[in-house]
Amino acid sequence: MSKQSRDYFTFFRSFFDAISDLDDTAQLELYRAIAQYSLDGEEPELKGIASTIWKVIFPNLRNSRKQYENGLKGGAPKGNANARKLKKPTLEEVEAYTKEKGYQMEASQFYDYNEARGWVVLKKMDWHEAADLWEQKINSGEYDN
């Protein structure tokens, strides 16, 4: 894992609750470990009860660091469903796409239909996929062109 330094991190109440029953020495050890890992990516070497509690807290901290580091790189990793940015196309983009694919469909009809519905299709799929499906339905006779 990268040692990317950061200026802040999220501290959950569950961390506080888990640590609060420990003696002062163990509490300080865990608070320092959490801060050191969260801010600088340095994993601590803990023993005893501090090590046990660390094992419960660490997955949340690791996930938070990973999300932070992915954000520095521009977002979710390639291939991750969260990385797909489903954006509404312009009519010109739809026209260019249907022409490139050699589709029979009327680009403006597809565009106007989805525009009127607020592009709800984008909650499920990319508009290119929706256009492909629209063309398939035209070819099957399910939609009129």
Protein backbone atom coordinates (compact mmCIF):
# COMPACT_ATOMS: atom_id res chain seq x y z
CA MET A 1 0.00 0.00 0.00
CA SER A 2 1.22 3.47 -0.78
CA LYS A 3 2.40 5.73 2.00
CA GLN A 4 0.42 8.73 0.73
CA SER A 5 0.22 11.24 3.57
CA ARG A 6 -3.09 12.93 4.24
CA ASP A 7 -4.32 15.76 6.44
CA TYR A 8 -7.50 14.23 7.91
CA PHE A 9 -9.39 10.98 8.43
CA THR A 10 -12.74 9.74 9.69
CA PHE A 11 -12.90 8.45 13.25
CA PHE A 12 -15.94 6.32 14.06
CA ARG A 13 -17.78 6.23 17.37
CA SER A 14 -17.38 2.45 17.38
CA PHE A 15 -13.59 2.97 17.57
CA PHE A 16 -14.02 5.27 20.56
CA ASP A 17 -16.42 2.85 22.26
CA ALA A 18 -14.10 -0.14 21.72
CA ILE A 19 -11.08 1.74 23.05
CA SER A 20 -12.72 3.55 25.98
CA ASP A 21 -12.77 0.49 28.28
CA LEU A 22 -9.00 0.01 28.03
CA ASP A 23 -6.42 1.37 30.43
CA ASP A 24 -4.82 4.69 29.52
CA THR A 25 -1.65 3.11 28.11
CA ALA A 26 -3.54 0.81 25.72
CA GLN A 27 -5.89 3.64 24.73
CA LEU A 28 -2.99 5.91 23.83
CA GLU A 29 -1.30 3.10 21.91
CA LEU A 30 -4.45 2.50 19.81
CA TYR A 31 -5.21 6.19 19.25
CA ARG A 32 -1.65 6.70 18.00
CA ALA A 33 -1.86 3.58 15.82
CA ILE A 34 -5.13 4.74 14.26
CA ALA A 35 -3.78 8.24 13.59
CA GLN A 36 -0.43 7.00 12.28
CA TYR A 37 -2.03 4.51 9.89
CA SER A 38 -4.83 6.85 8.78
CA LEU A 39 -2.59 9.86 8.18
CA ASP A 40 0.65 8.25 6.99
CA GLY A 41 -0.20 4.65 6.04
CA GLU A 42 2.16 3.18 8.64
CA GLU A 43 0.87 -0.08 10.12
CA PRO A 44 1.63 -0.48 13.82
CA GLU A 45 3.06 -3.48 15.64
CA LEU A 46 0.71 -3.97 18.57
CA LYS A 47 0.48 -6.66 21.24
CA GLY A 48 -2.15 -7.92 23.63
CA ILE A 49 -5.61 -6.39 23.77
CA ALA A 50 -4.50 -3.44 21.60
CA SER A 51 -3.64 -5.92 18.83
CA THR A 52 -7.03 -7.62 19.18
CA ILE A 53 -8.97 -4.36 18.94
CA TRP A 54 -6.75 -3.22 16.04
CA LYS A 55 -7.80 -6.32 14.08
CA VAL A 56 -11.43 -5.21 14.39
CA ILE A 57 -10.79 -1.55 13.55
CA PHE A 58 -8.20 -2.04 10.80
CA PRO A 59 -10.55 -3.16 7.94
CA ASN A 60 -12.45 0.15 8.20
CA LEU A 61 -9.22 2.15 8.26
CA ARG A 62 -7.76 0.22 5.32
CA ASN A 63 -10.93 0.75 3.28
CA SER A 64 -10.92 4.46 4.07
CA ARG A 65 -7.26 4.82 2.98
CA LYS A 66 -7.95 2.88 -0.21
CA GLN A 67 -10.89 5.17 -1.07
CA TYR A 68 -8.75 8.23 -0.33
CA GLU A 69 -5.88 6.97 -2.53
CA ASN A 70 -8.28 6.05 -5.35
CA GLY A 71 -9.69 9.57 -5.13
CA LEU A 72 -6.20 10.98 -5.64
CA LYS A 73 -5.92 8.88 -8.80
CA GLY A 74 -9.24 10.17 -10.15
CA GLY A 75 -11.78 7.81 -8.59
CA ALA A 76 -12.68 4.16 -8.43
CA PRO A 77 -10.35 1.65 -10.07
CA LYS A 78 -10.93 0.80 -13.73
CA GLY A 79 -13.45 -2.01 -14.04
CA ASN A 80 -15.22 -1.07 -10.82
CA ALA A 81 -18.96 -0.49 -11.33
CA ASN A 82 -18.57 2.81 -9.47
CA ALA A 83 -16.02 3.95 -12.04
CA ARG A 84 -18.59 4.06 -14.84
CA LYS A 85 -19.89 7.55 -15.26
CA LEU A 86 -23.36 7.32 -16.74
CA LYS A 87 -23.97 10.66 -18.38
CA LYS A 88 -26.78 11.94 -20.55
CA PRO A 89 -25.75 12.25 -24.21
CA THR A 90 -26.46 15.10 -26.57
CA LEU A 91 -28.64 14.49 -29.62
CA GLU A 92 -25.51 14.90 -31.75
CA GLU A 93 -23.75 12.12 -29.80
CA VAL A 94 -26.71 9.79 -30.31
CA GLU A 95 -26.85 10.62 -34.02
CA ALA A 96 -23.11 9.99 -34.41
CA TYR A 97 -23.33 6.69 -32.52
CA THR A 98 -26.29 5.33 -34.51
CA LYS A 99 -24.64 6.37 -37.78
CA GLU A 100 -21.34 4.73 -36.77
CA LYS A 101 -23.16 1.51 -35.88
CA GLY A 102 -25.30 1.60 -39.04
CA TYR A 103 -28.51 1.46 -37.02
CA GLN A 104 -31.97 1.83 -38.60
CA MET A 105 -33.37 3.63 -35.56
CA GLU A 106 -34.21 7.31 -35.60
CA ALA A 107 -31.69 8.87 -33.21
CA SER A 108 -34.02 11.76 -32.42
CA GLN A 109 -36.85 9.38 -31.49
CA PHE A 110 -34.59 7.50 -29.06
CA TYR A 111 -33.25 10.78 -27.69
CA ASP A 112 -36.67 12.44 -27.30
CA TYR A 113 -38.14 9.37 -25.60
CA ASN A 114 -35.35 9.22 -23.04
CA GLU A 115 -35.26 13.00 -22.58
CA ALA A 116 -38.99 12.98 -21.77
CA ARG A 117 -38.42 10.23 -19.19
CA GLY A 118 -35.50 12.03 -17.56
CA TRP A 119 -32.98 9.45 -18.81
CA VAL A 120 -34.07 6.96 -16.12
CA VAL A 121 -32.38 4.32 -18.27
CA LEU A 122 -29.04 5.68 -17.01
CA LYS A 123 -29.79 4.24 -13.56
CA LYS A 124 -29.44 0.77 -15.08
CA MET A 125 -27.12 1.08 -18.07
CA ASP A 126 -25.00 3.34 -20.21
CA TRP A 127 -26.93 5.14 -22.96
CA HIS A 128 -24.93 3.24 -25.61
CA GLU A 129 -26.28 -0.03 -24.21
CA ALA A 130 -29.78 1.46 -24.19
CA ALA A 131 -29.42 2.47 -27.85
CA ASP A 132 -28.18 -1.02 -28.73
CA LEU A 133 -31.21 -2.52 -26.99
CA TRP A 134 -33.54 -0.05 -28.74
CA GLU A 135 -32.10 -1.09 -32.12
CA GLN A 136 -32.54 -4.79 -31.27
CA LYS A 137 -36.18 -4.18 -30.43
CA ILE A 138 -36.69 -2.32 -33.72
CA ASN A 139 -35.13 -5.24 -35.60
CA SER A 140 -37.33 -7.74 -33.76
CA GLY A 141 -40.47 -5.73 -34.62
CA GLU A 142 -41.15 -4.87 -30.97
CA TYR A 143 -40.65 -1.13 -31.64
CA ASP A 144 -41.65 0.84 -34.71
CA ASN A 145 -39.00 3.09 -36.15
